[in-house]
Each structure stands twice: as structure tokens, then as C-alpha cells.
Amino acid sequence: MRLPILYVSHALPEVARLANSIVVIEAGRVLRSGPAADVMADPNLSAILGLRDAGSLITARLVAQEADGLTRLETPGGALFLPQFAASVGEVVRLRIPAQDVMIARNRPEAISALNILAVTIDSVTLTAGSGAVLSLRLGEEKLLARLTQRSVQALQLRPGLEVFAVLKSVALAQGPFGA
């Protein structure tokens, strides 16, 4: 029998690695609770969780260990390439993707060094204090966050419903997966 564990932490990367469910509490009040992937991808919690730590948890299936030392994962938005890690082909892994490591392109980029280009749809644009914005992106059934400037949002005319491309460098995902 598996018993639940209550673990209290302010370190979001640690919470992402360990938690299946999260309860966000501020000043003794529950702000949000639910599955870790849903809570972490809530753009309205970005400022509370810390803009630098804001990010998403997504699941992907390992499809190949490539000869060049990369692991290829499959997501609903396309392939992800990470530095090779120990896991078996067919295994489902959970990845943490920091919002600050996600770039947005209106058109599919070509001739760039970033290997990870995912087709996504913008669900929402949330303006943050100062000059920032957090985009909630739909990647199949999962959510991905991107942290941009309001200037970039305006220049690219980003709005809910728009299909765009999320661009991630492999080395930004080098922390590896957190398991199934």
C-alpha cells in the first residue's frame, strides 16, 4: 500500500521532481491545488511561484537513443532532443521546462541551432508586473509556459488561438527527466 507524503518546500524545481499533486498556499490561504502539471502551468501563479522558476511539466515518450549522444522524445507537438540519459525506448518520462527557456516563433524557424521546435497553440497571454508576459501554450492535452516581454507579445501580435512554434535549446533541458 502506498501512503501519501506531505512535503513542504519553496524550491520549485525540487517540487517538480517529487510531486504528483501540489497545494499552493499563501498567507495561510489555499490559492490552487491539483495535479502538479496543471498547477505549475497556471500562468496566474507565475508571479507567486517565482517568475524565474515558473515552468511546466510535460510527459514525453522516449523513442530513440541517437548515435550522436542525444535522446529523442516524442510529444504531441513534435520531437524533443535532450542530452542522452539512461532510460529505455518506450518509457514515458516527465520533463520540467522553465518558461524563461521557451522562445516563440510565428513561423517554423529554419537554419537555427535549437533542435526543439514544437507546434503549439496560445491559450492565454497574461501580463505580469513591469514589462513581462507569460503565455500559456497548448501542447496536445498538456500546457507549456513561455515567459516573454510585453514588447515581444506586441511585435509578434500574439493572442489566444494563434498557432505558433515553441523553440527550446537542448542544453536548456539538460537537467533530464524526472521519471514517469
C-alpha atoms as a PDB file:
ATOM      1  CA  MET A   1       0.000   0.000   0.000  1.00  0.00           C
ATOM      2  CA  ARG A   2       1.325   3.445  -0.932  1.00  0.00           C
ATOM      3  CA  LEU A   3       0.799   6.181   1.613  1.00  0.00           C
ATOM      4  CA  PRO A   4       0.715   9.859   0.672  1.00  0.00           C
ATOM      5  CA  ILE A   5       3.558  12.070   1.832  1.00  0.00           C
ATOM      6  CA  LEU A   6       3.186  15.737   2.725  1.00  0.00           C
ATOM      7  CA  TYR A   7       6.322  17.563   1.673  1.00  0.00           C
ATOM      8  CA  VAL A   8       6.740  21.308   2.210  1.00  0.00           C
ATOM      9  CA  SER A   9       9.222  23.187   0.027  1.00  0.00           C
ATOM     10  CA  HIS A  10       9.812  26.580  -1.565  1.00  0.00           C
ATOM     11  CA  ALA A  11      12.168  25.086  -4.181  1.00  0.00           C
ATOM     12  CA  LEU A  12      10.039  24.710  -7.298  1.00  0.00           C
ATOM     13  CA  PRO A  13      12.495  22.503  -9.248  1.00  0.00           C
ATOM     14  CA  GLU A  14      12.529  20.131  -6.277  1.00  0.00           C
ATOM     15  CA  VAL A  15       8.720  20.131  -6.067  1.00  0.00           C
ATOM     16  CA  ALA A  16       8.510  19.445  -9.815  1.00  0.00           C
ATOM     17  CA  ARG A  17      10.823  16.451  -9.435  1.00  0.00           C
ATOM     18  CA  LEU A  18       8.971  14.903  -6.496  1.00  0.00           C
ATOM     19  CA  ALA A  19       5.299  15.877  -6.538  1.00  0.00           C
ATOM     20  CA  ASN A  20       2.289  14.331  -8.238  1.00  0.00           C
ATOM     21  CA  SER A  21      -0.098  16.819  -6.599  1.00  0.00           C
ATOM     22  CA  ILE A  22       0.590  20.349  -5.374  1.00  0.00           C
ATOM     23  CA  VAL A  23      -1.152  22.705  -2.988  1.00  0.00           C
ATOM     24  CA  VAL A  24      -0.069  26.353  -3.295  1.00  0.00           C
ATOM     25  CA  ILE A  25      -0.588  28.246  -0.033  1.00  0.00           C
ATOM     26  CA  GLU A  26      -0.039  31.951   0.536  1.00  0.00           C
ATOM     27  CA  ALA A  27      -0.623  33.663   3.877  1.00  0.00           C
ATOM     28  CA  GLY A  28      -2.471  30.578   5.134  1.00  0.00           C
ATOM     29  CA  ARG A  29      -4.879  30.524   2.179  1.00  0.00           C
ATOM     30  CA  VAL A  30      -5.010  27.801  -0.487  1.00  0.00           C
ATOM     31  CA  LEU A  31      -4.587  29.503  -3.857  1.00  0.00           C
ATOM     32  CA  ARG A  32      -4.656  26.381  -6.022  1.00  0.00           C
ATOM     33  CA  SER A  33      -4.371  22.648  -5.697  1.00  0.00           C
ATOM     34  CA  GLY A  34      -4.354  19.759  -8.114  1.00  0.00           C
ATOM     35  CA  PRO A  35      -2.087  17.666 -10.328  1.00  0.00           C
ATOM     36  CA  ALA A  36       1.465  19.036 -10.400  1.00  0.00           C
ATOM     37  CA  ALA A  37       1.443  19.606 -14.180  1.00  0.00           C
ATOM     38  CA  ASP A  38      -1.783  21.647 -14.002  1.00  0.00           C
ATOM     39  CA  VAL A  39      -0.741  23.796 -11.049  1.00  0.00           C
ATOM     40  CA  MET A  40       2.758  24.522 -12.367  1.00  0.00           C
ATOM     41  CA  ALA A  41       1.404  25.506 -15.809  1.00  0.00           C
ATOM     42  CA  ASP A  42      -1.089  28.010 -14.386  1.00  0.00           C
ATOM     43  CA  PRO A  43       0.072  31.409 -15.719  1.00  0.00           C
ATOM     44  CA  ASN A  44      -1.813  33.184 -12.910  1.00  0.00           C
ATOM     45  CA  LEU A  45       0.529  31.565 -10.368  1.00  0.00           C
ATOM     46  CA  SER A  46       3.765  32.516 -12.144  1.00  0.00           C
ATOM     47  CA  ALA A  47       4.459  35.568 -10.000  1.00  0.00           C
ATOM     48  CA  ILE A  48       3.608  33.712  -6.785  1.00  0.00           C
ATOM     49  CA  LEU A  49       5.740  30.671  -7.665  1.00  0.00           C
ATOM     50  CA  GLY A  50       8.532  32.972  -8.838  1.00  0.00           C
ATOM     51  CA  LEU A  51       8.946  34.186 -12.413  1.00  0.00           C
ATOM     52  CA  ARG A  52      12.458  32.741 -12.641  1.00  0.00           C
ATOM     53  CA  ASP A  53      11.201  29.306 -11.553  1.00  0.00           C
ATOM     54  CA  ALA A  54       7.914  29.338 -13.468  1.00  0.00           C
ATOM     55  CA  GLY A  55       7.630  26.474 -15.894  1.00  0.00           C
ATOM     56  CA  SER A  56       5.755  23.404 -16.965  1.00  0.00           C
ATOM     57  CA  LEU A  57       5.816  19.677 -16.515  1.00  0.00           C
ATOM     58  CA  ILE A  58       5.153  17.671 -19.651  1.00  0.00           C
ATOM     59  CA  THR A  59       5.270  13.972 -20.413  1.00  0.00           C
ATOM     60  CA  ALA A  60       7.044  12.513 -23.412  1.00  0.00           C
ATOM     61  CA  ARG A  61       7.799   9.034 -24.727  1.00  0.00           C
ATOM     62  CA  LEU A  62      11.407   8.035 -25.324  1.00  0.00           C
ATOM     63  CA  VAL A  63      11.615   6.819 -28.926  1.00  0.00           C
ATOM     64  CA  ALA A  64      15.370   6.544 -29.564  1.00  0.00           C
ATOM     65  CA  GLN A  65      18.866   6.801 -28.154  1.00  0.00           C
ATOM     66  CA  GLU A  66      20.597   8.522 -31.068  1.00  0.00           C
ATOM     67  CA  ALA A  67      24.170   7.733 -32.191  1.00  0.00           C
ATOM     68  CA  ASP A  68      25.226  11.370 -31.684  1.00  0.00           C
ATOM     69  CA  GLY A  69      24.612  11.197 -27.919  1.00  0.00           C
ATOM     70  CA  LEU A  70      21.088  12.647 -27.850  1.00  0.00           C
ATOM     71  CA  THR A  71      17.892  11.069 -26.591  1.00  0.00           C
ATOM     72  CA  ARG A  72      14.849  11.616 -28.827  1.00  0.00           C
ATOM     73  CA  LEU A  73      11.497  12.018 -27.114  1.00  0.00           C
ATOM     74  CA  GLU A  74       8.093  12.353 -28.770  1.00  0.00           C
ATOM     75  CA  THR A  75       5.432  14.856 -27.678  1.00  0.00           C
ATOM     76  CA  PRO A  76       2.128  15.823 -29.309  1.00  0.00           C
ATOM     77  CA  GLY A  77       3.894  18.929 -30.705  1.00  0.00           C
ATOM     78  CA  GLY A  78       6.886  17.104 -32.168  1.00  0.00           C
ATOM     79  CA  ALA A  79      10.234  15.620 -31.208  1.00  0.00           C
ATOM     80  CA  LEU A  80      12.388  16.797 -28.315  1.00  0.00           C
ATOM     81  CA  PHE A  81      16.130  16.119 -28.249  1.00  0.00           C
ATOM     82  CA  LEU A  82      17.976  16.050 -24.931  1.00  0.00           C
ATOM     83  CA  PRO A  83      21.485  15.060 -23.935  1.00  0.00           C
ATOM     84  CA  GLN A  84      21.412  11.280 -23.586  1.00  0.00           C
ATOM     85  CA  PHE A  85      20.111   9.876 -20.318  1.00  0.00           C
ATOM     86  CA  ALA A  86      19.561   6.367 -19.009  1.00  0.00           C
ATOM     87  CA  ALA A  87      16.068   5.179 -19.888  1.00  0.00           C
ATOM     88  CA  SER A  88      14.535   2.565 -22.146  1.00  0.00           C
ATOM     89  CA  VAL A  89      12.900   3.059 -25.508  1.00  0.00           C
ATOM     90  CA  GLY A  90       9.139   3.253 -24.959  1.00  0.00           C
ATOM     91  CA  GLU A  91       9.448   4.655 -21.448  1.00  0.00           C
ATOM     92  CA  VAL A  92       7.304   7.696 -20.596  1.00  0.00           C
ATOM     93  CA  VAL A  93       9.211  10.445 -18.788  1.00  0.00           C
ATOM     94  CA  ARG A  94       8.250  13.732 -17.180  1.00  0.00           C
ATOM     95  CA  LEU A  95      10.204  16.866 -18.068  1.00  0.00           C
ATOM     96  CA  ARG A  96      10.341  20.272 -16.420  1.00  0.00           C
ATOM     97  CA  ILE A  97      10.594  23.099 -18.931  1.00  0.00           C
ATOM     98  CA  PRO A  98      11.341  26.534 -17.432  1.00  0.00           C
ATOM     99  CA  ALA A  99       9.180  29.265 -19.010  1.00  0.00           C
ATOM    100  CA  GLN A 100      12.208  31.537 -19.436  1.00  0.00           C
ATOM    101  CA  ASP A 101      13.828  28.929 -21.728  1.00  0.00           C
ATOM    102  CA  VAL A 102      10.942  28.913 -24.231  1.00  0.00           C
ATOM    103  CA  MET A 103      11.111  31.212 -27.258  1.00  0.00           C
ATOM    104  CA  ILE A 104       8.154  31.798 -29.585  1.00  0.00           C
ATOM    105  CA  ALA A 105       8.213  31.999 -33.392  1.00  0.00           C
ATOM    106  CA  ARG A 106       5.247  32.835 -35.621  1.00  0.00           C
ATOM    107  CA  ASN A 107       6.747  30.704 -38.428  1.00  0.00           C
ATOM    108  CA  ARG A 108       8.679  27.458 -38.115  1.00  0.00           C
ATOM    109  CA  PRO A 109      12.329  28.542 -37.773  1.00  0.00           C
ATOM    110  CA  GLU A 110      14.910  27.173 -40.186  1.00  0.00           C
ATOM    111  CA  ALA A 111      18.696  27.069 -40.081  1.00  0.00           C
ATOM    112  CA  ILE A 112      18.980  27.591 -36.307  1.00  0.00           C
ATOM    113  CA  SER A 113      20.936  25.637 -33.741  1.00  0.00           C
ATOM    114  CA  ALA A 114      17.978  24.927 -31.448  1.00  0.00           C
ATOM    115  CA  LEU A 115      16.828  21.365 -32.139  1.00  0.00           C
ATOM    116  CA  ASN A 116      13.494  21.501 -30.338  1.00  0.00           C
ATOM    117  CA  ILE A 117      10.722  23.198 -32.275  1.00  0.00           C
ATOM    118  CA  LEU A 118       7.225  22.305 -31.077  1.00  0.00           C
ATOM    119  CA  ALA A 119       3.936  23.245 -32.723  1.00  0.00           C
ATOM    120  CA  VAL A 120       1.696  24.805 -30.042  1.00  0.00           C
ATOM    121  CA  THR A 121      -1.423  26.945 -29.743  1.00  0.00           C
ATOM    122  CA  ILE A 122      -1.602  30.012 -27.493  1.00  0.00           C
ATOM    123  CA  ASP A 123      -4.271  29.541 -24.796  1.00  0.00           C
ATOM    124  CA  SER A 124      -3.717  32.798 -22.928  1.00  0.00           C
ATOM    125  CA  VAL A 125      -1.453  35.823 -22.578  1.00  0.00           C
ATOM    126  CA  THR A 126      -1.031  37.072 -19.003  1.00  0.00           C
ATOM    127  CA  LEU A 127       0.731  40.393 -18.474  1.00  0.00           C
ATOM    128  CA  THR A 128       2.987  40.447 -15.421  1.00  0.00           C
ATOM    129  CA  ALA A 129       4.388  43.318 -13.377  1.00  0.00           C
ATOM    130  CA  GLY A 130       6.820  45.510 -15.250  1.00  0.00           C
ATOM    131  CA  SER A 131       7.463  44.606 -18.854  1.00  0.00           C
ATOM    132  CA  GLY A 132       6.795  40.867 -18.734  1.00  0.00           C
ATOM    133  CA  ALA A 133       4.182  38.442 -20.008  1.00  0.00           C
ATOM    134  CA  VAL A 134       3.518  34.734 -19.551  1.00  0.00           C
ATOM    135  CA  LEU A 135       1.982  32.736 -22.374  1.00  0.00           C
ATOM    136  CA  SER A 136       0.080  29.547 -21.715  1.00  0.00           C
ATOM    137  CA  LEU A 137       0.590  27.237 -24.682  1.00  0.00           C
ATOM    138  CA  ARG A 138      -1.324  24.075 -25.525  1.00  0.00           C
ATOM    139  CA  LEU A 139       0.819  21.090 -26.453  1.00  0.00           C
ATOM    140  CA  GLY A 140      -1.757  18.398 -27.108  1.00  0.00           C
ATOM    141  CA  GLU A 141      -3.500  17.866 -23.767  1.00  0.00           C
ATOM    142  CA  GLU A 142      -0.653  19.441 -21.828  1.00  0.00           C
ATOM    143  CA  LYS A 143       0.323  23.047 -21.080  1.00  0.00           C
ATOM    144  CA  LEU A 144       3.637  24.742 -21.689  1.00  0.00           C
ATOM    145  CA  LEU A 145       4.540  28.200 -20.340  1.00  0.00           C
ATOM    146  CA  ALA A 146       6.672  30.799 -22.102  1.00  0.00           C
ATOM    147  CA  ARG A 147       7.992  33.957 -20.453  1.00  0.00           C
ATOM    148  CA  LEU A 148       8.400  36.899 -22.829  1.00  0.00           C
ATOM    149  CA  THR A 149       8.452  40.659 -22.754  1.00  0.00           C
ATOM    150  CA  GLN A 150       5.274  42.594 -23.472  1.00  0.00           C
ATOM    151  CA  ARG A 151       7.173  44.166 -26.371  1.00  0.00           C
ATOM    152  CA  SER A 152       7.659  40.725 -27.966  1.00  0.00           C
ATOM    153  CA  VAL A 153       3.981  39.895 -27.447  1.00  0.00           C
ATOM    154  CA  GLN A 154       3.009  43.108 -29.243  1.00  0.00           C
ATOM    155  CA  ALA A 155       5.625  42.843 -32.007  1.00  0.00           C
ATOM    156  CA  LEU A 156       4.567  39.266 -32.851  1.00  0.00           C
ATOM    157  CA  GLN A 157       0.870  40.076 -32.345  1.00  0.00           C
ATOM    158  CA  LEU A 158       0.500  37.068 -30.048  1.00  0.00           C
ATOM    159  CA  ARG A 159      -3.059  36.270 -28.960  1.00  0.00           C
ATOM    160  CA  PRO A 160      -5.123  33.306 -27.768  1.00  0.00           C
ATOM    161  CA  GLY A 161      -5.949  30.803 -30.512  1.00  0.00           C
ATOM    162  CA  LEU A 162      -2.860  31.607 -32.586  1.00  0.00           C
ATOM    163  CA  GLU A 163      -0.770  28.626 -33.713  1.00  0.00           C
ATOM    164  CA  VAL A 164       2.935  29.272 -33.132  1.00  0.00           C
ATOM    165  CA  PHE A 165       6.168  27.384 -32.529  1.00  0.00           C
ATOM    166  CA  ALA A 166       7.875  26.973 -29.162  1.00  0.00           C
ATOM    167  CA  VAL A 167      11.658  26.833 -29.542  1.00  0.00           C
ATOM    168  CA  LEU A 168      13.850  25.239 -26.862  1.00  0.00           C
ATOM    169  CA  LYS A 169      17.571  24.584 -26.798  1.00  0.00           C
ATOM    170  CA  SER A 170      18.552  21.017 -25.908  1.00  0.00           C
ATOM    171  CA  VAL A 171      21.010  22.271 -23.326  1.00  0.00           C
ATOM    172  CA  ALA A 172      18.188  24.172 -21.579  1.00  0.00           C
ATOM    173  CA  LEU A 173      16.592  20.775 -20.960  1.00  0.00           C
ATOM    174  CA  ALA A 174      19.844  19.154 -19.880  1.00  0.00           C
ATOM    175  CA  GLN A 175      18.612  18.519 -16.340  1.00  0.00           C
ATOM    176  CA  GLY A 176      16.982  15.380 -17.749  1.00  0.00           C
ATOM    177  CA  PRO A 177      13.673  13.725 -16.980  1.00  0.00           C
ATOM    178  CA  PHE A 178      12.019  13.207 -13.615  1.00  0.00           C
ATOM    179  CA  GLY A 179      10.653   9.745 -14.357  1.00  0.00           C
ATOM    180  CA  ALA A 180       7.219   8.542 -15.338  1.00  0.00           C
END
